[in-house]
Amino acid sequence: MLSPWFNVIFLLFISYITGSTPTSIIVGKVSSGIDIREHGSGNAGGTNVFRVLGWKPALIVVIVDVFKGWLPAAVYAKISLSSVPIDDLGILQILCGFFAVLGHTYPMFAGFKGGKGVGTLGGMLIALFPIAIPLCLLVFIIVLVLTGYVSVGSILASSTLPIFLFLIPVVTTFSSPSLSLLIFSLFVPWFVIYTHRSNIVRLRNGNENQFKKAMIFRRNT
């Protein structure tokens, strides 16, 4: 009989494989015969697909990437809870979602060179924090409209997650998430900052890519 811990290892491996599906690379190859990592910013994510190939391929990439993070955290973890030696669903969801994000960032099917993981992380967070994520998305949209920087929007939106989680139970009737999920939320901004470290360098140097079309209030020159 297999050890229950083997089930944990298998579950995390399946989560990693799910995240490793190189959506942007597949879409780039199928739609235009290119490796998206060799064009634009070189990042294998939805933002770079939008810049290089347009909004339709980018929309496909974003939807699939979000789903890759949601599926392990929302489905794999719940159906496996009874077969693993972990009785805290929040912890199991965090582990499954994290390995999906890890797979997206370092995909075994694409030479371990993937995207920054924001879309897949977003899908994971939707499964974990369905009430707070729409508020974080609102922060992202506001920052993007005002600055045109996706990287800044991603960093600031992730930074507001633990704040919203602590405030929502205070000002609404929604219950507070489990302690494991609250602690995990504190690490999310640091992960986003780490994966955007090259963007931060470009921001400091003044040569970060900017979505000027998203800046509703920009002045026409």
N, C-alpha and C. Protein backbone atom coordinates (compact mmCIF):
# COMPACT_ATOMS: atom_id res chain seq x y z
N MET A 1 0.84 -1.20 0.00
CA MET A 1 0.00 0.00 0.00
C MET A 1 0.88 1.25 0.00
N LEU A 2 0.54 2.18 -0.86
CA LEU A 2 1.33 3.41 -0.97
C LEU A 2 1.13 4.31 0.24
N SER A 3 2.20 5.02 0.61
CA SER A 3 2.14 5.94 1.72
C SER A 3 1.24 7.12 1.37
N PRO A 4 0.49 7.63 2.36
CA PRO A 4 -0.34 8.82 2.11
C PRO A 4 0.48 10.01 1.62
N TRP A 5 1.76 10.06 2.00
CA TRP A 5 2.60 11.16 1.56
C TRP A 5 2.93 11.05 0.07
N PHE A 6 2.86 9.82 -0.45
CA PHE A 6 3.01 9.66 -1.90
C PHE A 6 1.87 10.37 -2.62
N ASN A 7 0.68 10.33 -2.03
CA ASN A 7 -0.47 11.03 -2.62
C ASN A 7 -0.22 12.54 -2.66
N VAL A 8 0.43 13.06 -1.62
CA VAL A 8 0.75 14.49 -1.58
C VAL A 8 1.72 14.83 -2.70
N ILE A 9 2.78 14.01 -2.83
CA ILE A 9 3.78 14.25 -3.87
C ILE A 9 3.14 14.19 -5.25
N PHE A 10 2.29 13.19 -5.46
CA PHE A 10 1.62 13.04 -6.76
C PHE A 10 0.71 14.23 -7.03
N LEU A 11 -0.01 14.68 -6.00
CA LEU A 11 -0.93 15.82 -6.13
C LEU A 11 -0.17 17.08 -6.52
N LEU A 12 0.96 17.33 -5.87
CA LEU A 12 1.76 18.52 -6.16
C LEU A 12 2.39 18.42 -7.55
N PHE A 13 2.76 17.21 -7.95
CA PHE A 13 3.33 17.03 -9.28
C PHE A 13 2.29 17.32 -10.36
N ILE A 14 1.07 16.82 -10.16
CA ILE A 14 -0.01 17.09 -11.12
C ILE A 14 -0.31 18.58 -11.17
N SER A 15 -0.25 19.25 -10.03
CA SER A 15 -0.47 20.70 -10.00
C SER A 15 0.62 21.42 -10.78
N TYR A 16 1.86 20.98 -10.60
CA TYR A 16 2.98 21.57 -11.33
C TYR A 16 2.83 21.34 -12.84
N ILE A 17 2.44 20.15 -13.23
CA ILE A 17 2.24 19.84 -14.65
C ILE A 17 1.15 20.72 -15.24
N THR A 18 0.08 20.91 -14.49
CA THR A 18 -1.01 21.78 -14.95
C THR A 18 -0.50 23.19 -15.20
N GLY A 19 0.29 23.71 -14.27
CA GLY A 19 0.84 25.05 -14.44
C GLY A 19 1.88 25.13 -15.53
N SER A 20 2.53 24.00 -15.83
CA SER A 20 3.62 24.00 -16.81
C SER A 20 3.16 24.10 -18.26
N THR A 21 1.87 23.98 -18.49
CA THR A 21 1.37 24.12 -19.86
C THR A 21 1.72 25.52 -20.37
N PRO A 22 2.62 25.63 -21.35
CA PRO A 22 3.12 26.95 -21.80
C PRO A 22 2.14 27.64 -22.74
N THR A 23 1.09 28.19 -22.17
CA THR A 23 -0.01 28.74 -22.96
C THR A 23 0.45 29.77 -23.99
N SER A 24 1.21 30.76 -23.56
CA SER A 24 1.61 31.84 -24.46
C SER A 24 2.52 31.32 -25.58
N ILE A 25 3.36 30.35 -25.26
CA ILE A 25 4.26 29.80 -26.27
C ILE A 25 3.45 29.01 -27.31
N ILE A 26 2.48 28.23 -26.83
CA ILE A 26 1.63 27.47 -27.75
C ILE A 26 0.83 28.40 -28.65
N VAL A 27 0.23 29.44 -28.05
CA VAL A 27 -0.57 30.39 -28.82
C VAL A 27 0.31 31.12 -29.84
N GLY A 28 1.53 31.49 -29.44
CA GLY A 28 2.44 32.16 -30.37
C GLY A 28 2.80 31.28 -31.54
N LYS A 29 3.06 29.99 -31.26
CA LYS A 29 3.43 29.04 -32.32
C LYS A 29 2.25 28.79 -33.26
N VAL A 30 1.06 28.58 -32.68
CA VAL A 30 -0.11 28.24 -33.50
C VAL A 30 -0.60 29.43 -34.32
N SER A 31 -0.64 30.62 -33.70
CA SER A 31 -1.22 31.78 -34.38
C SER A 31 -0.26 32.45 -35.35
N SER A 32 1.04 32.48 -35.00
CA SER A 32 1.98 33.23 -35.84
C SER A 32 3.29 32.51 -36.12
N GLY A 33 3.44 31.29 -35.60
CA GLY A 33 4.66 30.54 -35.86
C GLY A 33 5.89 31.12 -35.20
N ILE A 34 5.72 31.80 -34.05
CA ILE A 34 6.85 32.42 -33.37
C ILE A 34 6.96 31.92 -31.93
N ASP A 35 8.14 32.06 -31.37
CA ASP A 35 8.35 31.84 -29.94
C ASP A 35 8.23 33.20 -29.28
N ILE A 36 7.16 33.38 -28.51
CA ILE A 36 6.87 34.69 -27.93
C ILE A 36 8.02 35.19 -27.06
N ARG A 37 8.86 34.29 -26.58
CA ARG A 37 9.99 34.68 -25.73
C ARG A 37 11.10 35.37 -26.51
N GLU A 38 11.00 35.32 -27.83
CA GLU A 38 12.01 35.96 -28.69
C GLU A 38 11.51 37.29 -29.25
N HIS A 39 10.39 37.76 -28.75
CA HIS A 39 9.80 39.00 -29.25
C HIS A 39 9.33 39.87 -28.07
N GLY A 40 9.17 41.14 -28.35
CA GLY A 40 8.69 42.06 -27.32
C GLY A 40 9.61 42.10 -26.12
N SER A 41 9.02 41.94 -24.94
CA SER A 41 9.81 41.97 -23.70
C SER A 41 10.51 40.65 -23.43
N GLY A 42 10.16 39.61 -24.19
CA GLY A 42 10.75 38.30 -23.98
C GLY A 42 10.06 37.48 -22.92
N ASN A 43 9.01 38.03 -22.32
CA ASN A 43 8.29 37.32 -21.27
C ASN A 43 7.19 36.45 -21.86
N ALA A 44 7.08 35.23 -21.35
CA ALA A 44 6.06 34.29 -21.84
C ALA A 44 4.77 34.47 -21.06
N GLY A 45 4.14 35.62 -21.22
CA GLY A 45 2.91 35.91 -20.51
C GLY A 45 1.92 36.66 -21.37
N GLY A 46 0.72 36.86 -20.82
CA GLY A 46 -0.35 37.50 -21.58
C GLY A 46 -0.05 38.92 -22.00
N THR A 47 0.67 39.67 -21.16
CA THR A 47 0.97 41.06 -21.49
C THR A 47 1.83 41.15 -22.74
N ASN A 48 2.86 40.31 -22.82
CA ASN A 48 3.74 40.33 -23.99
C ASN A 48 3.02 39.83 -25.23
N VAL A 49 2.12 38.85 -25.06
CA VAL A 49 1.32 38.37 -26.19
C VAL A 49 0.44 39.49 -26.72
N PHE A 50 -0.12 40.29 -25.82
CA PHE A 50 -0.94 41.43 -26.25
C PHE A 50 -0.11 42.41 -27.07
N ARG A 51 1.10 42.70 -26.60
CA ARG A 51 1.95 43.66 -27.32
C ARG A 51 2.32 43.15 -28.71
N VAL A 52 2.64 41.87 -28.79
CA VAL A 52 3.18 41.32 -30.03
C VAL A 52 2.09 40.82 -30.97
N LEU A 53 1.06 40.15 -30.44
CA LEU A 53 0.08 39.47 -31.29
C LEU A 53 -1.32 40.07 -31.25
N GLY A 54 -1.61 40.92 -30.28
CA GLY A 54 -2.93 41.53 -30.22
C GLY A 54 -3.78 40.98 -29.09
N TRP A 55 -4.99 41.56 -28.95
CA TRP A 55 -5.81 41.25 -27.79
C TRP A 55 -6.47 39.88 -27.83
N LYS A 56 -6.81 39.38 -29.01
CA LYS A 56 -7.49 38.09 -29.08
C LYS A 56 -6.61 36.94 -28.60
N PRO A 57 -5.37 36.79 -29.13
CA PRO A 57 -4.48 35.74 -28.58
C PRO A 57 -4.18 35.97 -27.11
N ALA A 58 -4.04 37.25 -26.71
CA ALA A 58 -3.74 37.56 -25.31
C ALA A 58 -4.88 37.14 -24.40
N LEU A 59 -6.12 37.33 -24.86
CA LEU A 59 -7.28 36.95 -24.05
C LEU A 59 -7.30 35.44 -23.80
N ILE A 60 -6.97 34.67 -24.83
CA ILE A 60 -6.91 33.21 -24.68
C ILE A 60 -5.85 32.83 -23.65
N VAL A 61 -4.69 33.46 -23.77
CA VAL A 61 -3.58 33.17 -22.84
C VAL A 61 -3.98 33.50 -21.41
N VAL A 62 -4.57 34.66 -21.20
CA VAL A 62 -4.94 35.08 -19.84
C VAL A 62 -5.97 34.13 -19.24
N ILE A 63 -6.98 33.77 -20.01
CA ILE A 63 -8.04 32.89 -19.50
C ILE A 63 -7.46 31.54 -19.10
N VAL A 64 -6.64 30.96 -19.96
CA VAL A 64 -6.06 29.65 -19.66
C VAL A 64 -5.08 29.73 -18.49
N ASP A 65 -4.27 30.78 -18.47
CA ASP A 65 -3.30 30.93 -17.37
C ASP A 65 -4.00 31.08 -16.02
N VAL A 66 -5.09 31.84 -16.00
CA VAL A 66 -5.86 31.98 -14.75
C VAL A 66 -6.46 30.63 -14.35
N PHE A 67 -6.98 29.91 -15.33
CA PHE A 67 -7.58 28.60 -15.07
C PHE A 67 -6.55 27.62 -14.52
N LYS A 68 -5.29 27.71 -15.01
CA LYS A 68 -4.22 26.83 -14.54
C LYS A 68 -3.97 27.00 -13.04
N GLY A 69 -4.16 28.20 -12.53
CA GLY A 69 -3.97 28.43 -11.11
C GLY A 69 -5.20 28.10 -10.29
N TRP A 70 -6.38 28.32 -10.88
CA TRP A 70 -7.64 28.06 -10.17
C TRP A 70 -7.89 26.57 -9.99
N LEU A 71 -7.65 25.78 -11.03
CA LEU A 71 -8.00 24.36 -11.02
C LEU A 71 -7.33 23.57 -9.88
N PRO A 72 -6.00 23.66 -9.71
CA PRO A 72 -5.39 22.90 -8.62
C PRO A 72 -5.88 23.32 -7.23
N ALA A 73 -6.02 24.65 -7.03
CA ALA A 73 -6.41 25.14 -5.71
C ALA A 73 -7.88 24.88 -5.41
N ALA A 74 -8.74 25.02 -6.41
CA ALA A 74 -10.18 24.89 -6.18
C ALA A 74 -10.69 23.46 -6.31
N VAL A 75 -10.03 22.66 -7.16
CA VAL A 75 -10.55 21.32 -7.44
C VAL A 75 -9.62 20.22 -6.93
N TYR A 76 -8.36 20.22 -7.39
CA TYR A 76 -7.45 19.16 -6.98
C TYR A 76 -7.37 19.02 -5.47
N ALA A 77 -7.20 20.15 -4.78
CA ALA A 77 -7.03 20.13 -3.33
C ALA A 77 -8.26 19.57 -2.62
N LYS A 78 -9.44 20.00 -3.05
CA LYS A 78 -10.67 19.59 -2.37
C LYS A 78 -10.96 18.11 -2.55
N ILE A 79 -10.76 17.59 -3.77
CA ILE A 79 -11.08 16.18 -4.00
C ILE A 79 -10.02 15.26 -3.42
N SER A 80 -8.86 15.80 -3.07
CA SER A 80 -7.77 14.97 -2.54
C SER A 80 -7.63 15.07 -1.03
N LEU A 81 -8.39 15.95 -0.38
CA LEU A 81 -8.22 16.21 1.04
C LEU A 81 -8.34 14.94 1.88
N SER A 82 -9.25 14.06 1.53
CA SER A 82 -9.48 12.85 2.33
C SER A 82 -8.41 11.78 2.15
N SER A 83 -7.56 11.93 1.12
CA SER A 83 -6.56 10.90 0.81
C SER A 83 -5.14 11.32 1.15
N VAL A 84 -4.98 12.48 1.78
CA VAL A 84 -3.64 12.97 2.13
C VAL A 84 -3.58 13.26 3.62
N PRO A 85 -2.37 13.19 4.22
CA PRO A 85 -2.23 13.41 5.66
C PRO A 85 -2.18 14.89 6.05
N ILE A 86 -2.96 15.72 5.35
CA ILE A 86 -3.05 17.16 5.64
C ILE A 86 -4.52 17.47 5.83
N ASP A 87 -4.90 17.87 7.03
CA ASP A 87 -6.33 18.08 7.31
C ASP A 87 -6.75 19.54 7.21
N ASP A 88 -5.83 20.43 6.86
CA ASP A 88 -6.14 21.85 6.69
C ASP A 88 -6.31 22.12 5.19
N LEU A 89 -7.55 22.35 4.75
CA LEU A 89 -7.81 22.56 3.33
C LEU A 89 -7.06 23.78 2.81
N GLY A 90 -6.97 24.83 3.63
CA GLY A 90 -6.27 26.04 3.20
C GLY A 90 -4.82 25.76 2.85
N ILE A 91 -4.14 25.00 3.69
CA ILE A 91 -2.73 24.66 3.43
C ILE A 91 -2.61 23.85 2.15
N LEU A 92 -3.51 22.87 1.97
CA LEU A 92 -3.45 22.03 0.76
C LEU A 92 -3.71 22.86 -0.49
N GLN A 93 -4.64 23.79 -0.41
CA GLN A 93 -4.92 24.68 -1.54
C GLN A 93 -3.71 25.56 -1.86
N ILE A 94 -3.07 26.05 -0.82
CA ILE A 94 -1.88 26.88 -1.03
C ILE A 94 -0.79 26.09 -1.73
N LEU A 95 -0.57 24.85 -1.27
CA LEU A 95 0.48 24.02 -1.86
C LEU A 95 0.18 23.71 -3.34
N CYS A 96 -1.06 23.32 -3.62
CA CYS A 96 -1.44 23.00 -5.00
C CYS A 96 -1.33 24.23 -5.89
N GLY A 97 -1.84 25.35 -5.42
CA GLY A 97 -1.77 26.57 -6.21
C GLY A 97 -0.35 27.02 -6.41
N PHE A 98 0.48 26.92 -5.37
CA PHE A 98 1.87 27.35 -5.48
C PHE A 98 2.62 26.53 -6.52
N PHE A 99 2.39 25.22 -6.53
CA PHE A 99 3.08 24.38 -7.50
C PHE A 99 2.60 24.66 -8.92
N ALA A 100 1.35 25.07 -9.08
CA ALA A 100 0.86 25.47 -10.39
C ALA A 100 1.56 26.75 -10.85
N VAL A 101 1.70 27.71 -9.95
CA VAL A 101 2.40 28.96 -10.27
C VAL A 101 3.87 28.66 -10.57
N LEU A 102 4.47 27.76 -9.79
CA LEU A 102 5.85 27.36 -10.03
C LEU A 102 5.99 26.74 -11.42
N GLY A 103 5.00 25.94 -11.80
CA GLY A 103 5.03 25.33 -13.13
C GLY A 103 4.93 26.36 -14.23
N HIS A 104 4.10 27.38 -14.03
CA HIS A 104 3.98 28.44 -15.03
C HIS A 104 5.28 29.24 -15.15
N THR A 105 5.91 29.51 -14.01
CA THR A 105 7.12 30.32 -14.01
C THR A 105 8.32 29.54 -14.52
N TYR A 106 8.37 28.25 -14.19
CA TYR A 106 9.47 27.39 -14.62
C TYR A 106 8.90 26.12 -15.27
N PRO A 107 8.31 26.25 -16.47
CA PRO A 107 7.62 25.12 -17.11
C PRO A 107 8.57 24.06 -17.65
N MET A 108 8.33 22.82 -17.28
CA MET A 108 9.19 21.73 -17.74
C MET A 108 9.03 21.48 -19.24
N PHE A 109 7.92 21.94 -19.83
CA PHE A 109 7.69 21.74 -21.25
C PHE A 109 8.26 22.86 -22.11
N ALA A 110 8.90 23.84 -21.49
CA ALA A 110 9.42 24.98 -22.25
C ALA A 110 10.79 25.41 -21.73
N GLY A 111 11.62 24.43 -21.40
CA GLY A 111 12.98 24.73 -20.97
C GLY A 111 13.06 25.49 -19.66
N PHE A 112 12.01 25.37 -18.83
CA PHE A 112 11.97 26.02 -17.51
C PHE A 112 12.09 27.55 -17.61
N LYS A 113 11.64 28.10 -18.74
CA LYS A 113 11.63 29.54 -18.93
C LYS A 113 10.21 29.97 -19.28
N GLY A 114 9.47 30.42 -18.26
CA GLY A 114 8.08 30.78 -18.47
C GLY A 114 7.79 32.23 -18.17
N GLY A 115 6.56 32.50 -17.77
CA GLY A 115 6.13 33.86 -17.49
C GLY A 115 6.37 34.24 -16.03
N LYS A 116 5.82 35.38 -15.66
CA LYS A 116 6.02 35.89 -14.30
C LYS A 116 5.03 35.30 -13.30
N GLY A 117 4.03 34.60 -13.80
CA GLY A 117 3.12 33.88 -12.91
C GLY A 117 1.96 34.68 -12.37
N VAL A 118 1.77 35.93 -12.80
CA VAL A 118 0.72 36.76 -12.22
C VAL A 118 -0.67 36.21 -12.55
N GLY A 119 -0.89 35.81 -13.81
CA GLY A 119 -2.20 35.29 -14.20
C GLY A 119 -2.54 34.01 -13.46
N THR A 120 -1.57 33.09 -13.39
CA THR A 120 -1.79 31.82 -12.69
C THR A 120 -1.94 32.05 -11.20
N LEU A 121 -1.16 32.96 -10.66
CA LEU A 121 -1.31 33.33 -9.24
C LEU A 121 -2.70 33.93 -9.01
N GLY A 122 -3.16 34.73 -9.97
CA GLY A 122 -4.50 35.32 -9.85
C GLY A 122 -5.57 34.25 -9.80
N GLY A 123 -5.44 33.21 -10.64
CA GLY A 123 -6.40 32.11 -10.62
C GLY A 123 -6.39 31.38 -9.29
N MET A 124 -5.20 31.17 -8.76
CA MET A 124 -5.07 30.54 -7.44
C MET A 124 -5.75 31.39 -6.37
N LEU A 125 -5.53 32.70 -6.43
CA LEU A 125 -6.09 33.60 -5.42
C LEU A 125 -7.60 33.70 -5.53
N ILE A 126 -8.14 33.57 -6.75
CA ILE A 126 -9.60 33.56 -6.92
C ILE A 126 -10.20 32.39 -6.15
N ALA A 127 -9.51 31.24 -6.22
CA ALA A 127 -9.97 30.05 -5.50
C ALA A 127 -9.87 30.24 -3.99
N LEU A 128 -8.82 30.93 -3.55
CA LEU A 128 -8.57 31.08 -2.11
C LEU A 128 -9.34 32.26 -1.50
N PHE A 129 -9.40 33.37 -2.24
CA PHE A 129 -9.97 34.61 -1.69
C PHE A 129 -10.99 35.21 -2.67
N PRO A 130 -12.10 34.55 -2.92
CA PRO A 130 -13.05 35.04 -3.94
C PRO A 130 -13.64 36.41 -3.65
N ILE A 131 -13.66 36.83 -2.38
CA ILE A 131 -14.24 38.12 -2.04
C ILE A 131 -13.22 39.25 -2.25
N ALA A 132 -11.96 39.00 -1.90
CA ALA A 132 -10.95 40.06 -1.94
C ALA A 132 -10.38 40.30 -3.33
N ILE A 133 -10.33 39.28 -4.16
CA ILE A 133 -9.67 39.42 -5.47
C ILE A 133 -10.33 40.46 -6.37
N PRO A 134 -11.67 40.57 -6.43
CA PRO A 134 -12.26 41.65 -7.25
C PRO A 134 -11.78 43.04 -6.81
N LEU A 135 -11.57 43.23 -5.51
CA LEU A 135 -11.07 44.51 -5.02
C LEU A 135 -9.63 44.73 -5.46
N CYS A 136 -8.82 43.67 -5.41
CA CYS A 136 -7.44 43.77 -5.89
C CYS A 136 -7.41 44.06 -7.39
N LEU A 137 -8.33 43.45 -8.12
CA LEU A 137 -8.41 43.70 -9.57
C LEU A 137 -8.77 45.16 -9.83
N LEU A 138 -9.64 45.71 -9.01
CA LEU A 138 -10.01 47.12 -9.15
C LEU A 138 -8.78 48.01 -8.93
N VAL A 139 -7.97 47.68 -7.94
CA VAL A 139 -6.73 48.43 -7.69
C VAL A 139 -5.82 48.34 -8.91
N PHE A 140 -5.69 47.14 -9.48
CA PHE A 140 -4.86 46.95 -10.67
C PHE A 140 -5.32 47.83 -11.82
N ILE A 141 -6.63 47.84 -12.06
CA ILE A 141 -7.18 48.61 -13.18
C ILE A 141 -6.95 50.11 -12.97
N ILE A 142 -7.18 50.57 -11.75
CA ILE A 142 -6.98 52.00 -11.46
C ILE A 142 -5.52 52.41 -11.69
N VAL A 143 -4.60 51.59 -11.19
CA VAL A 143 -3.17 51.90 -11.36
C VAL A 143 -2.78 51.85 -12.83
N LEU A 144 -3.30 50.87 -13.56
CA LEU A 144 -2.98 50.75 -14.98
C LEU A 144 -3.50 51.96 -15.75
N VAL A 145 -4.71 52.38 -15.45
CA VAL A 145 -5.31 53.54 -16.14
C VAL A 145 -4.52 54.81 -15.85
N LEU A 146 -4.05 54.95 -14.62
CA LEU A 146 -3.35 56.17 -14.22
C LEU A 146 -1.89 56.20 -14.66
N THR A 147 -1.23 55.03 -14.68
CA THR A 147 0.21 55.00 -14.96
C THR A 147 0.57 54.33 -16.28
N GLY A 148 -0.26 53.38 -16.73
CA GLY A 148 0.07 52.63 -17.93
C GLY A 148 1.04 51.49 -17.69
N TYR A 149 1.42 51.26 -16.45
CA TYR A 149 2.39 50.21 -16.14
C TYR A 149 1.70 48.99 -15.55
N VAL A 150 1.74 47.87 -16.29
CA VAL A 150 1.17 46.62 -15.80
C VAL A 150 1.92 46.13 -14.58
N SER A 151 3.24 46.27 -14.60
CA SER A 151 4.06 45.80 -13.49
C SER A 151 3.71 46.52 -12.18
N VAL A 152 3.53 47.83 -12.26
CA VAL A 152 3.18 48.60 -11.06
C VAL A 152 1.80 48.20 -10.56
N GLY A 153 0.87 48.01 -11.50
CA GLY A 153 -0.47 47.58 -11.12
C GLY A 153 -0.46 46.23 -10.43
N SER A 154 0.34 45.30 -10.96
CA SER A 154 0.43 43.95 -10.38
C SER A 154 1.00 44.00 -8.96
N ILE A 155 2.06 44.77 -8.78
CA ILE A 155 2.71 44.86 -7.47
C ILE A 155 1.78 45.51 -6.44
N LEU A 156 1.15 46.62 -6.82
CA LEU A 156 0.28 47.31 -5.87
C LEU A 156 -0.99 46.51 -5.57
N ALA A 157 -1.53 45.85 -6.58
CA ALA A 157 -2.73 45.04 -6.36
C ALA A 157 -2.45 43.88 -5.41
N SER A 158 -1.31 43.22 -5.59
CA SER A 158 -0.96 42.11 -4.69
C SER A 158 -0.69 42.62 -3.28
N SER A 159 -0.17 43.82 -3.17
CA SER A 159 0.13 44.39 -1.86
C SER A 159 -1.13 44.72 -1.06
N THR A 160 -2.23 44.96 -1.77
CA THR A 160 -3.48 45.28 -1.07
C THR A 160 -4.23 44.03 -0.61
N LEU A 161 -3.82 42.85 -1.09
CA LEU A 161 -4.54 41.61 -0.74
C LEU A 161 -4.63 41.40 0.77
N PRO A 162 -3.51 41.36 1.49
CA PRO A 162 -3.63 41.14 2.95
C PRO A 162 -4.40 42.25 3.65
N ILE A 163 -4.32 43.46 3.13
CA ILE A 163 -5.06 44.58 3.73
C ILE A 163 -6.56 44.34 3.61
N PHE A 164 -7.00 43.96 2.41
CA PHE A 164 -8.43 43.69 2.20
C PHE A 164 -8.90 42.52 3.06
N LEU A 165 -8.06 41.49 3.19
CA LEU A 165 -8.46 40.31 3.96
C LEU A 165 -8.66 40.64 5.44
N PHE A 166 -7.88 41.57 5.93
CA PHE A 166 -8.03 41.97 7.33
C PHE A 166 -9.21 42.93 7.51
N LEU A 167 -9.50 43.74 6.48
CA LEU A 167 -10.55 44.75 6.61
C LEU A 167 -11.95 44.21 6.32
N ILE A 168 -12.06 43.30 5.37
CA ILE A 168 -13.38 42.82 4.94
C ILE A 168 -14.21 42.27 6.11
N PRO A 169 -13.65 41.42 6.97
CA PRO A 169 -14.47 40.92 8.10
C PRO A 169 -14.88 42.02 9.08
N VAL A 170 -14.11 43.11 9.10
CA VAL A 170 -14.40 44.20 10.03
C VAL A 170 -15.57 45.05 9.54
N VAL A 171 -15.62 45.29 8.23
CA VAL A 171 -16.63 46.21 7.69
C VAL A 171 -17.80 45.50 7.01
N THR A 172 -17.73 44.16 6.92
CA THR A 172 -18.82 43.39 6.30
C THR A 172 -19.19 42.22 7.19
N THR A 173 -20.15 41.42 6.72
CA THR A 173 -20.57 40.23 7.47
C THR A 173 -19.80 38.98 7.05
N PHE A 174 -18.87 39.12 6.09
CA PHE A 174 -18.10 37.97 5.65
C PHE A 174 -17.13 37.54 6.75
N SER A 175 -16.95 36.24 6.90
CA SER A 175 -16.05 35.72 7.93
C SER A 175 -14.60 35.83 7.47
N SER A 176 -13.70 35.83 8.43
CA SER A 176 -12.28 35.93 8.14
C SER A 176 -11.75 34.61 7.60
N PRO A 177 -10.82 34.63 6.64
CA PRO A 177 -10.22 33.39 6.15
C PRO A 177 -9.45 32.69 7.27
N SER A 178 -9.08 31.44 7.03
CA SER A 178 -8.31 30.70 8.02
C SER A 178 -6.95 31.35 8.25
N LEU A 179 -6.34 31.04 9.38
CA LEU A 179 -5.04 31.63 9.72
C LEU A 179 -4.00 31.30 8.67
N SER A 180 -4.04 30.06 8.13
CA SER A 180 -3.05 29.67 7.12
C SER A 180 -3.17 30.53 5.87
N LEU A 181 -4.40 30.87 5.47
CA LEU A 181 -4.60 31.70 4.29
C LEU A 181 -4.19 33.15 4.56
N LEU A 182 -4.46 33.63 5.77
CA LEU A 182 -4.05 35.00 6.11
C LEU A 182 -2.53 35.14 6.09
N ILE A 183 -1.85 34.15 6.66
CA ILE A 183 -0.38 34.18 6.66
C ILE A 183 0.16 34.11 5.24
N PHE A 184 -0.46 33.24 4.44
CA PHE A 184 -0.01 33.11 3.05
C PHE A 184 -0.17 34.42 2.29
N SER A 185 -1.25 35.15 2.55
CA SER A 185 -1.50 36.40 1.83
C SER A 185 -0.37 37.41 2.04
N LEU A 186 0.32 37.31 3.16
CA LEU A 186 1.42 38.24 3.44
C LEU A 186 2.63 37.98 2.55
N PHE A 187 2.74 36.75 2.04
CA PHE A 187 3.87 36.41 1.20
C PHE A 187 3.62 36.70 -0.28
N VAL A 188 2.35 36.84 -0.65
CA VAL A 188 2.00 37.06 -2.06
C VAL A 188 2.68 38.30 -2.65
N PRO A 189 2.64 39.46 -1.98
CA PRO A 189 3.30 40.65 -2.56
C PRO A 189 4.79 40.44 -2.79
N TRP A 190 5.44 39.71 -1.88
CA TRP A 190 6.88 39.49 -2.04
C TRP A 190 7.19 38.62 -3.24
N PHE A 191 6.31 37.63 -3.50
CA PHE A 191 6.51 36.79 -4.68
C PHE A 191 6.35 37.62 -5.95
N VAL A 192 5.32 38.46 -5.99
CA VAL A 192 5.07 39.30 -7.17
C VAL A 192 6.23 40.27 -7.38
N ILE A 193 6.73 40.86 -6.30
CA ILE A 193 7.87 41.77 -6.40
C ILE A 193 9.09 41.03 -6.94
N TYR A 194 9.31 39.81 -6.44
CA TYR A 194 10.46 39.01 -6.90
C TYR A 194 10.38 38.70 -8.39
N THR A 195 9.21 38.28 -8.86
CA THR A 195 9.07 37.94 -10.27
C THR A 195 9.10 39.18 -11.17
N HIS A 196 8.90 40.35 -10.58
CA HIS A 196 8.93 41.60 -11.36
C HIS A 196 10.20 42.41 -11.09
N ARG A 197 11.22 41.75 -10.59
CA ARG A 197 12.45 42.49 -10.26
C ARG A 197 13.09 43.16 -11.47
N SER A 198 13.01 42.51 -12.64
CA SER A 198 13.56 43.14 -13.85
C SER A 198 12.73 44.36 -14.25
N ASN A 199 11.41 44.29 -14.03
CA ASN A 199 10.55 45.44 -14.32
C ASN A 199 10.87 46.61 -13.39
N ILE A 200 11.17 46.29 -12.14
CA ILE A 200 11.51 47.34 -11.18
C ILE A 200 12.79 48.05 -11.60
N VAL A 201 13.76 47.28 -12.10
CA VAL A 201 15.00 47.89 -12.59
C VAL A 201 14.71 48.82 -13.76
N ARG A 202 13.84 48.36 -14.69
CA ARG A 202 13.50 49.20 -15.85
C ARG A 202 12.72 50.44 -15.42
N LEU A 203 11.88 50.30 -14.40
CA LEU A 203 11.15 51.46 -13.88
C LEU A 203 12.12 52.49 -13.32
N ARG A 204 13.12 52.03 -12.60
CA ARG A 204 14.11 52.93 -12.02
C ARG A 204 14.94 53.61 -13.12
N ASN A 205 15.16 52.87 -14.22
CA ASN A 205 15.96 53.42 -15.32
C ASN A 205 15.12 54.23 -16.30
N GLY A 206 13.80 54.19 -16.13
CA GLY A 206 12.92 54.96 -16.99
C GLY A 206 12.64 54.35 -18.35
N ASN A 207 12.87 53.04 -18.51
CA ASN A 207 12.63 52.41 -19.82
C ASN A 207 11.69 51.20 -19.72
N GLU A 208 10.80 51.22 -18.73
CA GLU A 208 9.79 50.16 -18.62
C GLU A 208 8.72 50.34 -19.69
N ASN A 209 8.27 49.21 -20.28
CA ASN A 209 7.21 49.27 -21.28
C ASN A 209 5.93 49.81 -20.65
N GLN A 210 5.25 50.68 -21.41
CA GLN A 210 4.06 51.35 -20.89
C GLN A 210 2.89 51.16 -21.84
N PHE A 211 1.72 50.81 -21.28
CA PHE A 211 0.50 50.68 -22.06
C PHE A 211 -0.19 52.02 -22.13
N LYS A 212 0.21 52.85 -23.07
CA LYS A 212 -0.36 54.19 -23.16
C LYS A 212 -1.82 54.17 -23.57
N LYS A 213 -2.23 53.12 -24.32
CA LYS A 213 -3.63 53.04 -24.73
C LYS A 213 -4.56 52.83 -23.55
N ALA A 214 -4.02 52.28 -22.46
CA ALA A 214 -4.84 52.05 -21.27
C ALA A 214 -4.99 53.29 -20.41
N MET A 215 -4.17 54.31 -20.70
CA MET A 215 -4.18 55.53 -19.89
C MET A 215 -5.28 56.47 -20.41
N ILE A 216 -6.45 56.32 -19.83
CA ILE A 216 -7.61 57.09 -20.28
C ILE A 216 -7.41 58.59 -20.14
N PHE A 217 -6.69 58.97 -19.09
CA PHE A 217 -6.54 60.41 -18.79
C PHE A 217 -5.23 61.00 -19.33
N ARG A 218 -4.53 60.27 -20.19
CA ARG A 218 -3.26 60.81 -20.70
C ARG A 218 -3.52 61.93 -21.68
N ARG A 219 -2.57 62.79 -21.75
CA ARG A 219 -2.67 63.91 -22.68
C ARG A 219 -2.19 63.48 -24.06
N ASN A 220 -2.89 63.87 -25.07
CA ASN A 220 -2.46 63.58 -26.43
C ASN A 220 -1.35 64.55 -26.83
N THR A 221 -0.25 64.00 -27.38
CA THR A 221 0.87 64.84 -27.78
C THR A 221 1.09 64.71 -29.28
